[in-house]
Every structure is written in C-alpha cells, then in structure tokens.
Amino acid sequence: MADNNTPFEQEVAALIVEALNLEMAADEIEAEQPLYQDGLGLDSIDMLEISLAVSKKYGFQLKADDPDNASTFSSLRSLARHIEKNRVK
C-alpha cells in the first residue's frame, strides 16, 4: 500500500485507475513509481487517456508536444504536482 502518497496523489491515482480501467486499487500506485514502461507499464496511448481525463476533471490540457511531458509523466508524484500547478480552480 502506498502510505506515503498525499491525498491529492491518491486522487490522481484514482483518476488513472478509472481512466485506464486498471485492475488494481489506486492505493497500489506508489508516488515515486514510474508510470511509463518499466514502472506501472503504461504506454503512449495510456498517457493520452490520462491527459483526456485530466483535461475533463481539472480544466487544462496536457499537450502531446510539450517538451516537459517526460518529466510530467515520470511518476504519480510529478503528475500530481503538475496538475496542482496548472489546474483551473
């Protein structure tokens, strides 16, 4: 269980699980676990699905051509921080 996740990281983890229909609980995603390839095993299509879910829920777009995407999607923690900085409040 990911005890060190913040409440917002848990919220984003739940969004990922729901958006991708993963067969795991949101609290199984560790904050620093890589999301892409070797970590959680997600691919570019999964990242697109997550981007669409983030756009709907938080009111801003993650652009495919953003040069920071590799770091933004590097872990649950980095994605959550990016959303917190950019979301429409």
Protein backbone atom coordinates (compact mmCIF):
# COMPACT_ATOMS: atom_id res chain seq x y z
CA MET A 1 0.00 0.00 0.00
CA ALA A 2 1.24 3.49 -0.86
CA ASP A 3 1.23 5.04 2.60
CA ASN A 4 3.42 7.99 1.62
CA ASN A 5 1.02 9.33 -1.02
CA THR A 6 -0.60 12.69 -0.30
CA PRO A 7 -4.39 12.96 -0.51
CA PHE A 8 -4.10 14.70 -3.89
CA GLU A 9 -1.73 11.99 -5.19
CA GLN A 10 -4.35 9.44 -4.12
CA GLU A 11 -6.98 11.44 -6.05
CA VAL A 12 -4.81 11.44 -9.18
CA ALA A 13 -4.05 7.73 -8.75
CA ALA A 14 -7.80 7.04 -8.59
CA LEU A 15 -8.26 9.07 -11.79
CA ILE A 16 -5.56 6.98 -13.53
CA VAL A 17 -7.12 3.70 -12.38
CA GLU A 18 -10.58 4.84 -13.52
CA ALA A 19 -9.45 6.36 -16.83
CA LEU A 20 -7.49 3.25 -17.83
CA ASN A 21 -9.84 0.73 -16.22
CA LEU A 22 -6.87 -0.82 -14.41
CA GLU A 23 -7.36 -3.96 -12.38
CA MET A 24 -5.69 -2.53 -9.29
CA ALA A 25 -6.55 -0.20 -6.44
CA ALA A 26 -5.43 3.42 -6.55
CA ASP A 27 -3.51 2.96 -3.31
CA GLU A 28 -1.29 0.37 -5.01
CA ILE A 29 0.35 3.10 -7.10
CA GLU A 30 3.44 4.41 -5.30
CA ALA A 31 4.08 8.16 -5.54
CA GLU A 32 7.59 7.75 -6.99
CA GLN A 33 6.85 4.64 -9.08
CA PRO A 34 7.45 5.31 -12.78
CA LEU A 35 4.17 5.40 -14.71
CA TYR A 36 5.67 4.69 -18.10
CA GLN A 37 7.01 1.35 -19.38
CA ASP A 38 9.01 -0.46 -16.65
CA GLY A 39 7.12 1.01 -13.69
CA LEU A 40 3.36 0.79 -13.99
CA GLY A 41 3.76 -0.39 -17.59
CA LEU A 42 1.75 2.34 -19.28
CA ASP A 43 2.30 3.30 -22.89
CA SER A 44 1.72 6.40 -25.02
CA ILE A 45 -1.95 5.53 -25.61
CA ASP A 46 -2.44 5.28 -21.84
CA MET A 47 -0.80 8.69 -21.42
CA LEU A 48 -3.25 10.13 -23.94
CA GLU A 49 -6.17 8.65 -21.98
CA ILE A 50 -4.79 10.13 -18.74
CA SER A 51 -4.37 13.50 -20.46
CA LEU A 52 -8.00 13.47 -21.57
CA ALA A 53 -9.19 12.56 -18.06
CA VAL A 54 -7.04 15.32 -16.53
CA SER A 55 -8.43 17.82 -19.02
CA LYS A 56 -12.04 16.91 -18.15
CA LYS A 57 -11.53 16.88 -14.39
CA TYR A 58 -9.07 19.72 -13.84
CA GLY A 59 -9.80 22.11 -16.73
CA PHE A 60 -6.47 22.34 -18.52
CA GLN A 61 -4.83 20.43 -21.34
CA LEU A 62 -1.68 18.36 -21.27
CA LYS A 63 -0.30 18.87 -24.76
CA ALA A 64 1.30 15.99 -26.66
CA ASP A 65 4.12 18.21 -27.94
CA ASP A 66 5.06 19.61 -24.51
CA PRO A 67 8.82 19.05 -24.06
CA ASP A 68 8.24 18.52 -20.31
CA ASN A 69 5.94 15.51 -20.78
CA ALA A 70 8.69 13.00 -19.97
CA SER A 71 9.19 14.56 -16.55
CA THR A 72 5.47 15.32 -16.03
CA PHE A 73 4.55 11.66 -16.56
CA SER A 74 7.65 10.23 -14.88
CA SER A 75 5.73 9.36 -11.68
CA LEU A 76 2.42 9.82 -9.90
CA ARG A 77 4.04 12.50 -7.71
CA SER A 78 5.32 14.55 -10.68
CA LEU A 79 1.97 14.29 -12.48
CA ALA A 80 0.08 15.35 -9.34
CA ARG A 81 2.40 18.34 -8.84
CA HIS A 82 1.93 19.39 -12.47
CA ILE A 83 -1.86 19.19 -12.13
CA GLU A 84 -1.82 21.17 -8.86
CA LYS A 85 0.21 23.94 -10.52
CA ASN A 86 -1.93 24.17 -13.65
CA ARG A 87 -5.48 23.20 -12.75
CA VAL A 88 -8.33 25.67 -13.04
CA LYS A 89 -9.58 26.46 -9.55
